[in-house]
Amino acid sequence: MLTNKKVAIIGVGKMGETLLNGMIKNNLVKKENLAGSNAQEEHERAQEISKKYGIKTYINNKEMISGKDIIILAIKPQTMKKVLSDIKDMISEKQLIISIAAATSTQFIEECLEKNIPVIRAMPNTPALINEGMTVLCPGKSIDENHIQMAIDIFGAIGLVEVIHREELMDVVTALSGSGPAYAYIIIESLTEGGVRMGLPRELAKKLTTQTLLGASRMVLETGMHPALLKDAVTTPAGVTVD
């Protein structure tokens, strides 16, 4: 579905590059059909991306988005209004906008562009950097099934994807899976420190902790069992987990 599509990424920071890399590695979009941009002060970064991936990069967003089928907004929420104001005259209703900016509604983007533009809001998380991300998509009012499938293909290259249709839940998604990795890191850090204090070498303690959490997560995903049942299976009476 994406093979002949032309894709522009406004903002080739960490997540923008991750999406770019995913599309290239999975042969979703031809390199010649990909383009990226950064602000003037980050032009050196854009040049690095151009050399690394063999794509064309721009400073001028208007120039870049001309003739593109999909425009990904991988920018910070505080710069969104200015970027949309700069490009709105170049946007047509035939283009698909995908935004990964937190706390930025599809309605806000539609109103800034002053047109019935197809807009999808996406919330990926940082494990996408190693293709283990969790992304939730929420379509705007002018989206059809083809638009959704294209977005699923793009984010499916960097992890799992789910679609919801109640946009008010996207803030919950942001708190749970967007910020969630930080909570997991706190647990990993705490368990590792506990192991070290009890005499384990730090690297071993970290490996035991991370593999245990990874395995437990896979158990929940692959068995479909409720976490409470899996917990009870470990915490047998008079065992080592619960005495």
C-alpha atoms as a PDB file:
ATOM      1  CA  MET A   1       0.000   0.000   0.000  1.00  0.00           C
ATOM      2  CA  LEU A   2       2.916   2.361   0.696  1.00  0.00           C
ATOM      3  CA  THR A   3       5.237   1.246  -2.094  1.00  0.00           C
ATOM      4  CA  ASN A   4       4.558   4.152  -4.422  1.00  0.00           C
ATOM      5  CA  LYS A   5       3.657   6.695  -1.750  1.00  0.00           C
ATOM      6  CA  LYS A   6       5.805   9.745  -1.128  1.00  0.00           C
ATOM      7  CA  VAL A   7       6.427  10.495   2.541  1.00  0.00           C
ATOM      8  CA  ALA A   8       7.773  13.638   4.205  1.00  0.00           C
ATOM      9  CA  ILE A   9       8.851  13.736   7.850  1.00  0.00           C
ATOM     10  CA  ILE A  10       8.883  17.160   9.461  1.00  0.00           C
ATOM     11  CA  GLY A  11      11.331  16.765  12.318  1.00  0.00           C
ATOM     12  CA  VAL A  12      13.948  14.041  11.933  1.00  0.00           C
ATOM     13  CA  GLY A  13      14.864  13.807  15.608  1.00  0.00           C
ATOM     14  CA  LYS A  14      15.029  10.459  17.411  1.00  0.00           C
ATOM     15  CA  MET A  15      11.462   9.381  16.707  1.00  0.00           C
ATOM     16  CA  GLY A  16      11.413  10.855  13.209  1.00  0.00           C
ATOM     17  CA  GLU A  17      14.575   8.936  12.381  1.00  0.00           C
ATOM     18  CA  THR A  18      13.123   5.786  13.929  1.00  0.00           C
ATOM     19  CA  LEU A  19      10.101   5.970  11.618  1.00  0.00           C
ATOM     20  CA  LEU A  20      12.366   6.679   8.667  1.00  0.00           C
ATOM     21  CA  ASN A  21      14.585   3.713   9.486  1.00  0.00           C
ATOM     22  CA  GLY A  22      11.568   1.433   9.937  1.00  0.00           C
ATOM     23  CA  MET A  23      10.131   2.327   6.551  1.00  0.00           C
ATOM     24  CA  ILE A  24      13.460   1.786   4.807  1.00  0.00           C
ATOM     25  CA  LYS A  25      14.396  -1.471   6.579  1.00  0.00           C
ATOM     26  CA  ASN A  26      10.985  -2.986   5.893  1.00  0.00           C
ATOM     27  CA  ASN A  27      10.954  -1.817   2.269  1.00  0.00           C
ATOM     28  CA  LEU A  28       7.712   0.080   2.839  1.00  0.00           C
ATOM     29  CA  VAL A  29       8.740   3.209   0.974  1.00  0.00           C
ATOM     30  CA  LYS A  30      11.445   3.718  -1.637  1.00  0.00           C
ATOM     31  CA  LYS A  31      14.328   5.932  -0.513  1.00  0.00           C
ATOM     32  CA  GLU A  32      13.734   8.307  -3.388  1.00  0.00           C
ATOM     33  CA  ASN A  33      10.180   8.809  -2.120  1.00  0.00           C
ATOM     34  CA  LEU A  34      11.296   9.758   1.398  1.00  0.00           C
ATOM     35  CA  ALA A  35      12.287  13.192   2.636  1.00  0.00           C
ATOM     36  CA  GLY A  36      12.969  14.797   5.996  1.00  0.00           C
ATOM     37  CA  SER A  37      13.384  18.269   7.419  1.00  0.00           C
ATOM     38  CA  ASN A  38      14.690  20.001  10.510  1.00  0.00           C
ATOM     39  CA  ALA A  39      14.690  23.589  11.689  1.00  0.00           C
ATOM     40  CA  GLN A  40      17.511  25.857  10.493  1.00  0.00           C
ATOM     41  CA  GLU A  41      19.427  25.484  13.760  1.00  0.00           C
ATOM     42  CA  GLU A  42      19.360  21.685  13.349  1.00  0.00           C
ATOM     43  CA  HIS A  43      20.345  21.630   9.689  1.00  0.00           C
ATOM     44  CA  GLU A  44      23.560  19.750  10.473  1.00  0.00           C
ATOM     45  CA  ARG A  45      21.456  16.936  11.934  1.00  0.00           C
ATOM     46  CA  ALA A  46      19.366  16.839   8.738  1.00  0.00           C
ATOM     47  CA  GLN A  47      22.528  16.565   6.656  1.00  0.00           C
ATOM     48  CA  GLU A  48      23.676  13.617   8.777  1.00  0.00           C
ATOM     49  CA  ILE A  49      20.332  11.896   8.171  1.00  0.00           C
ATOM     50  CA  SER A  50      20.664  12.524   4.439  1.00  0.00           C
ATOM     51  CA  LYS A  51      24.087  10.872   4.309  1.00  0.00           C
ATOM     52  CA  LYS A  52      23.131   7.991   6.590  1.00  0.00           C
ATOM     53  CA  TYR A  53      19.940   6.972   4.772  1.00  0.00           C
ATOM     54  CA  GLY A  54      20.437   8.342   1.282  1.00  0.00           C
ATOM     55  CA  ILE A  55      17.344  10.545   1.336  1.00  0.00           C
ATOM     56  CA  LYS A  56      16.825  14.198   0.518  1.00  0.00           C
ATOM     57  CA  THR A  57      16.539  16.602   3.454  1.00  0.00           C
ATOM     58  CA  TYR A  58      15.251  20.149   3.603  1.00  0.00           C
ATOM     59  CA  ILE A  59      15.121  23.267   5.742  1.00  0.00           C
ATOM     60  CA  ASN A  60      12.061  24.591   3.905  1.00  0.00           C
ATOM     61  CA  ASN A  61       8.988  22.538   4.853  1.00  0.00           C
ATOM     62  CA  LYS A  62       6.856  24.042   2.086  1.00  0.00           C
ATOM     63  CA  GLU A  63       9.298  22.853  -0.530  1.00  0.00           C
ATOM     64  CA  MET A  64       9.548  19.402   1.021  1.00  0.00           C
ATOM     65  CA  ILE A  65       5.828  18.612   1.336  1.00  0.00           C
ATOM     66  CA  SER A  66       4.993  19.550  -2.244  1.00  0.00           C
ATOM     67  CA  GLY A  67       3.764  16.426  -4.035  1.00  0.00           C
ATOM     68  CA  LYS A  68       3.981  14.209  -0.954  1.00  0.00           C
ATOM     69  CA  ASP A  69       1.178  11.768  -0.099  1.00  0.00           C
ATOM     70  CA  ILE A  70       1.885  11.461   3.632  1.00  0.00           C
ATOM     71  CA  ILE A  71       3.262  14.119   5.959  1.00  0.00           C
ATOM     72  CA  ILE A  72       4.466  12.995   9.382  1.00  0.00           C
ATOM     73  CA  LEU A  73       4.681  15.706  12.035  1.00  0.00           C
ATOM     74  CA  ALA A  74       7.432  14.472  14.364  1.00  0.00           C
ATOM     75  CA  ILE A  75       7.755  17.775  16.199  1.00  0.00           C
ATOM     76  CA  LYS A  76       7.211  19.150  19.700  1.00  0.00           C
ATOM     77  CA  PRO A  77       3.712  20.372  20.633  1.00  0.00           C
ATOM     78  CA  GLN A  78       4.961  23.906  21.276  1.00  0.00           C
ATOM     79  CA  THR A  79       6.170  24.281  17.685  1.00  0.00           C
ATOM     80  CA  MET A  80       3.083  22.719  16.082  1.00  0.00           C
ATOM     81  CA  LYS A  81       1.065  25.900  15.531  1.00  0.00           C
ATOM     82  CA  LYS A  82       3.902  27.714  13.784  1.00  0.00           C
ATOM     83  CA  VAL A  83       4.747  24.749  11.551  1.00  0.00           C
ATOM     84  CA  LEU A  84       1.100  24.285  10.540  1.00  0.00           C
ATOM     85  CA  SER A  85       0.745  27.996   9.856  1.00  0.00           C
ATOM     86  CA  ASP A  86       3.788  27.877   7.576  1.00  0.00           C
ATOM     87  CA  ILE A  87       2.584  24.905   5.511  1.00  0.00           C
ATOM     88  CA  LYS A  88      -1.211  25.294   5.473  1.00  0.00           C
ATOM     89  CA  ASP A  89      -1.310  26.959   2.047  1.00  0.00           C
ATOM     90  CA  MET A  90       0.609  24.022   0.549  1.00  0.00           C
ATOM     91  CA  ILE A  91      -1.541  21.274   2.087  1.00  0.00           C
ATOM     92  CA  SER A  92      -4.309  19.626   0.074  1.00  0.00           C
ATOM     93  CA  GLU A  93      -7.132  17.332   1.132  1.00  0.00           C
ATOM     94  CA  LYS A  94      -5.484  14.503  -0.819  1.00  0.00           C
ATOM     95  CA  GLN A  95      -2.600  14.382   1.652  1.00  0.00           C
ATOM     96  CA  LEU A  96      -2.565  12.439   4.912  1.00  0.00           C
ATOM     97  CA  ILE A  97      -1.214  14.115   8.036  1.00  0.00           C
ATOM     98  CA  ILE A  98       0.126  11.923  10.858  1.00  0.00           C
ATOM     99  CA  SER A  99       1.089  13.700  14.076  1.00  0.00           C
ATOM    100  CA  ILE A 100       3.091  12.150  16.906  1.00  0.00           C
ATOM    101  CA  ALA A 101       3.002  15.293  19.053  1.00  0.00           C
ATOM    102  CA  ALA A 102       1.697  14.690  22.570  1.00  0.00           C
ATOM    103  CA  ALA A 103      -1.387  16.571  23.797  1.00  0.00           C
ATOM    104  CA  THR A 104      -2.179  17.850  20.297  1.00  0.00           C
ATOM    105  CA  SER A 105      -5.646  16.899  19.072  1.00  0.00           C
ATOM    106  CA  THR A 106      -6.671  16.118  15.518  1.00  0.00           C
ATOM    107  CA  GLN A 107      -9.212  18.939  15.810  1.00  0.00           C
ATOM    108  CA  PHE A 108      -6.460  21.430  16.640  1.00  0.00           C
ATOM    109  CA  ILE A 109      -4.494  20.384  13.555  1.00  0.00           C
ATOM    110  CA  GLU A 110      -7.591  20.489  11.341  1.00  0.00           C
ATOM    111  CA  GLU A 111      -8.476  23.969  12.574  1.00  0.00           C
ATOM    112  CA  CYS A 112      -4.937  25.263  12.077  1.00  0.00           C
ATOM    113  CA  LEU A 113      -4.917  23.991   8.491  1.00  0.00           C
ATOM    114  CA  GLU A 114      -8.419  25.415   7.881  1.00  0.00           C
ATOM    115  CA  LYS A 115      -9.346  22.481   5.620  1.00  0.00           C
ATOM    116  CA  ASN A 116     -10.908  19.019   5.850  1.00  0.00           C
ATOM    117  CA  ILE A 117      -7.508  17.375   5.877  1.00  0.00           C
ATOM    118  CA  PRO A 118      -7.200  13.689   6.836  1.00  0.00           C
ATOM    119  CA  VAL A 119      -5.381  13.691  10.187  1.00  0.00           C
ATOM    120  CA  ILE A 120      -4.280  10.779  12.360  1.00  0.00           C
ATOM    121  CA  ARG A 121      -2.920  11.272  15.849  1.00  0.00           C
ATOM    122  CA  ALA A 122      -0.293   8.739  16.900  1.00  0.00           C
ATOM    123  CA  MET A 123       1.361   8.060  20.241  1.00  0.00           C
ATOM    124  CA  PRO A 124       4.440   5.829  19.942  1.00  0.00           C
ATOM    125  CA  ASN A 125       6.854   5.209  22.800  1.00  0.00           C
ATOM    126  CA  THR A 126      10.630   5.117  23.072  1.00  0.00           C
ATOM    127  CA  PRO A 127      11.113   1.313  22.760  1.00  0.00           C
ATOM    128  CA  ALA A 128      10.235   2.000  19.112  1.00  0.00           C
ATOM    129  CA  LEU A 129      13.908   2.963  18.847  1.00  0.00           C
ATOM    130  CA  ILE A 130      14.698  -0.783  18.934  1.00  0.00           C
ATOM    131  CA  ASN A 131      11.546  -1.828  17.030  1.00  0.00           C
ATOM    132  CA  GLU A 132       9.741  -2.828  20.237  1.00  0.00           C
ATOM    133  CA  GLY A 133       7.414   0.150  20.391  1.00  0.00           C
ATOM    134  CA  MET A 134       3.751   0.402  21.274  1.00  0.00           C
ATOM    135  CA  THR A 135       1.816   2.892  19.169  1.00  0.00           C
ATOM    136  CA  VAL A 136      -1.821   3.882  19.474  1.00  0.00           C
ATOM    137  CA  LEU A 137      -3.541   5.614  16.556  1.00  0.00           C
ATOM    138  CA  CYS A 138      -6.628   7.809  16.672  1.00  0.00           C
ATOM    139  CA  PRO A 139      -8.226   8.976  13.402  1.00  0.00           C
ATOM    140  CA  GLY A 140      -9.645  12.446  12.809  1.00  0.00           C
ATOM    141  CA  LYS A 141     -12.991  13.177  11.191  1.00  0.00           C
ATOM    142  CA  SER A 142     -11.809  12.955   7.554  1.00  0.00           C
ATOM    143  CA  ILE A 143     -10.015   9.617   7.812  1.00  0.00           C
ATOM    144  CA  ASP A 144     -10.961   6.467   5.896  1.00  0.00           C
ATOM    145  CA  GLU A 145      -9.820   2.846   6.251  1.00  0.00           C
ATOM    146  CA  ASN A 146      -7.041   3.259   3.682  1.00  0.00           C
ATOM    147  CA  HIS A 147      -5.545   6.095   5.720  1.00  0.00           C
ATOM    148  CA  ILE A 148      -5.642   3.986   8.869  1.00  0.00           C
ATOM    149  CA  GLN A 149      -4.003   1.034   7.128  1.00  0.00           C
ATOM    150  CA  MET A 150      -1.171   3.212   5.842  1.00  0.00           C
ATOM    151  CA  ALA A 151      -0.523   4.478   9.364  1.00  0.00           C
ATOM    152  CA  ILE A 152      -0.642   0.919  10.719  1.00  0.00           C
ATOM    153  CA  ASP A 153       1.945  -0.122   8.129  1.00  0.00           C
ATOM    154  CA  ILE A 154       4.266   2.745   9.075  1.00  0.00           C
ATOM    155  CA  PHE A 155       4.127   2.224  12.831  1.00  0.00           C
ATOM    156  CA  GLY A 156       3.938  -1.559  12.517  1.00  0.00           C
ATOM    157  CA  ALA A 157       7.526  -1.397  11.264  1.00  0.00           C
ATOM    158  CA  ILE A 158       8.668  -0.257  14.730  1.00  0.00           C
ATOM    159  CA  GLY A 159       6.472  -2.360  17.022  1.00  0.00           C
ATOM    160  CA  LEU A 160       2.840  -3.118  17.856  1.00  0.00           C
ATOM    161  CA  VAL A 161      -0.081  -0.900  16.830  1.00  0.00           C
ATOM    162  CA  GLU A 162      -3.602  -0.401  18.148  1.00  0.00           C
ATOM    163  CA  VAL A 163      -6.374   1.917  16.939  1.00  0.00           C
ATOM    164  CA  ILE A 164      -8.880   3.740  19.136  1.00  0.00           C
ATOM    165  CA  HIS A 165     -11.688   6.086  18.116  1.00  0.00           C
ATOM    166  CA  ARG A 166     -12.241   8.045  21.339  1.00  0.00           C
ATOM    167  CA  GLU A 167      -9.628  10.757  21.223  1.00  0.00           C
ATOM    168  CA  GLU A 168     -10.125  11.764  24.843  1.00  0.00           C
ATOM    169  CA  LEU A 169      -8.425   8.458  25.706  1.00  0.00           C
ATOM    170  CA  MET A 170      -5.205   9.492  23.972  1.00  0.00           C
ATOM    171  CA  ASP A 171      -4.102  11.384  27.080  1.00  0.00           C
ATOM    172  CA  VAL A 172      -4.523   8.138  29.031  1.00  0.00           C
ATOM    173  CA  VAL A 173      -2.498   6.340  26.356  1.00  0.00           C
ATOM    174  CA  THR A 174       0.226   8.971  26.690  1.00  0.00           C
ATOM    175  CA  ALA A 175       0.400   8.449  30.450  1.00  0.00           C
ATOM    176  CA  LEU A 176       0.308   4.647  30.239  1.00  0.00           C
ATOM    177  CA  SER A 177       2.412   3.600  27.261  1.00  0.00           C
ATOM    178  CA  GLY A 178       4.023   6.899  26.289  1.00  0.00           C
ATOM    179  CA  SER A 179       5.421   7.504  29.776  1.00  0.00           C
ATOM    180  CA  GLY A 180       5.227   3.854  30.847  1.00  0.00           C
ATOM    181  CA  PRO A 181       8.804   2.897  29.945  1.00  0.00           C
ATOM    182  CA  ALA A 182      10.038   5.270  32.660  1.00  0.00           C
ATOM    183  CA  TYR A 183       8.055   3.321  35.262  1.00  0.00           C
ATOM    184  CA  ALA A 184       9.566   0.072  34.005  1.00  0.00           C
ATOM    185  CA  TYR A 185      13.061   1.561  34.252  1.00  0.00           C
ATOM    186  CA  ILE A 186      12.398   2.545  37.874  1.00  0.00           C
ATOM    187  CA  ILE A 187      11.473  -1.068  38.657  1.00  0.00           C
ATOM    188  CA  ILE A 188      14.564  -2.359  36.833  1.00  0.00           C
ATOM    189  CA  GLU A 189      16.783   0.109  38.653  1.00  0.00           C
ATOM    190  CA  SER A 190      15.291  -0.750  42.050  1.00  0.00           C
ATOM    191  CA  LEU A 191      15.485  -4.536  41.633  1.00  0.00           C
ATOM    192  CA  THR A 192      19.025  -4.275  40.278  1.00  0.00           C
ATOM    193  CA  GLU A 193      20.128  -2.169  43.250  1.00  0.00           C
ATOM    194  CA  GLY A 194      18.527  -4.705  45.583  1.00  0.00           C
ATOM    195  CA  GLY A 195      20.505  -7.500  43.969  1.00  0.00           C
ATOM    196  CA  VAL A 196      23.744  -5.525  44.220  1.00  0.00           C
ATOM    197  CA  ARG A 197      23.167  -4.800  47.904  1.00  0.00           C
ATOM    198  CA  MET A 198      22.702  -8.525  48.492  1.00  0.00           C
ATOM    199  CA  GLY A 199      26.065  -9.257  46.879  1.00  0.00           C
ATOM    200  CA  LEU A 200      25.398  -9.849  43.160  1.00  0.00           C
ATOM    201  CA  PRO A 201      27.693  -8.250  40.569  1.00  0.00           C
ATOM    202  CA  ARG A 202      25.883  -5.253  39.034  1.00  0.00           C
ATOM    203  CA  GLU A 203      25.836  -6.572  35.469  1.00  0.00           C
ATOM    204  CA  LEU A 204      24.432  -9.914  36.599  1.00  0.00           C
ATOM    205  CA  ALA A 205      21.800  -8.229  38.758  1.00  0.00           C
ATOM    206  CA  LYS A 206      20.765  -6.050  35.824  1.00  0.00           C
ATOM    207  CA  LYS A 207      20.610  -9.007  33.444  1.00  0.00           C
ATOM    208  CA  LEU A 208      18.521 -11.068  35.870  1.00  0.00           C
ATOM    209  CA  THR A 209      16.132  -8.162  36.366  1.00  0.00           C
ATOM    210  CA  THR A 210      15.690  -7.169  32.738  1.00  0.00           C
ATOM    211  CA  GLN A 211      15.261 -10.719  31.467  1.00  0.00           C
ATOM    212  CA  THR A 212      12.781 -11.457  34.254  1.00  0.00           C
ATOM    213  CA  LEU A 213      10.657  -8.430  33.335  1.00  0.00           C
ATOM    214  CA  LEU A 214      10.976  -9.222  29.644  1.00  0.00           C
ATOM    215  CA  GLY A 215       9.917 -12.828  30.213  1.00  0.00           C
ATOM    216  CA  ALA A 216       7.034 -11.822  32.464  1.00  0.00           C
ATOM    217  CA  SER A 217       5.800  -9.363  29.836  1.00  0.00           C
ATOM    218  CA  ARG A 218       5.953 -12.039  27.141  1.00  0.00           C
ATOM    219  CA  MET A 219       4.016 -14.416  29.399  1.00  0.00           C
ATOM    220  CA  VAL A 220       1.181 -11.900  29.715  1.00  0.00           C
ATOM    221  CA  LEU A 221       1.132 -11.171  25.980  1.00  0.00           C
ATOM    222  CA  GLU A 222       1.451 -14.739  24.719  1.00  0.00           C
ATOM    223  CA  THR A 223      -0.665 -16.663  27.230  1.00  0.00           C
ATOM    224  CA  GLY A 224      -3.461 -14.111  27.411  1.00  0.00           C
ATOM    225  CA  MET A 225      -3.761 -14.890  31.112  1.00  0.00           C
ATOM    226  CA  HIS A 226      -4.649 -12.204  33.635  1.00  0.00           C
ATOM    227  CA  PRO A 227      -1.513 -10.890  35.388  1.00  0.00           C
ATOM    228  CA  ALA A 228      -3.068 -11.754  38.754  1.00  0.00           C
ATOM    229  CA  LEU A 229      -3.305 -15.429  37.768  1.00  0.00           C
ATOM    230  CA  LEU A 230       0.288 -15.474  36.583  1.00  0.00           C
ATOM    231  CA  LYS A 231       1.335 -13.783  39.828  1.00  0.00           C
ATOM    232  CA  ASP A 232      -0.531 -16.408  41.861  1.00  0.00           C
ATOM    233  CA  ALA A 233       1.260 -19.156  39.934  1.00  0.00           C
ATOM    234  CA  VAL A 234       4.583 -17.776  41.193  1.00  0.00           C
ATOM    235  CA  THR A 235       3.516 -16.970  44.742  1.00  0.00           C
ATOM    236  CA  THR A 236       2.814 -20.477  46.006  1.00  0.00           C
ATOM    237  CA  PRO A 237       2.075 -20.844  49.745  1.00  0.00           C
ATOM    238  CA  ALA A 238       5.200 -21.266  51.883  1.00  0.00           C
ATOM    239  CA  GLY A 239       7.353 -20.696  48.796  1.00  0.00           C
ATOM    240  CA  VAL A 240      10.264 -18.265  48.336  1.00  0.00           C
ATOM    241  CA  THR A 241       8.166 -15.437  46.830  1.00  0.00           C
ATOM    242  CA  VAL A 242       5.583 -15.244  49.619  1.00  0.00           C
ATOM    243  CA  ASP A 243       6.232 -16.879  52.954  1.00  0.00           C
END
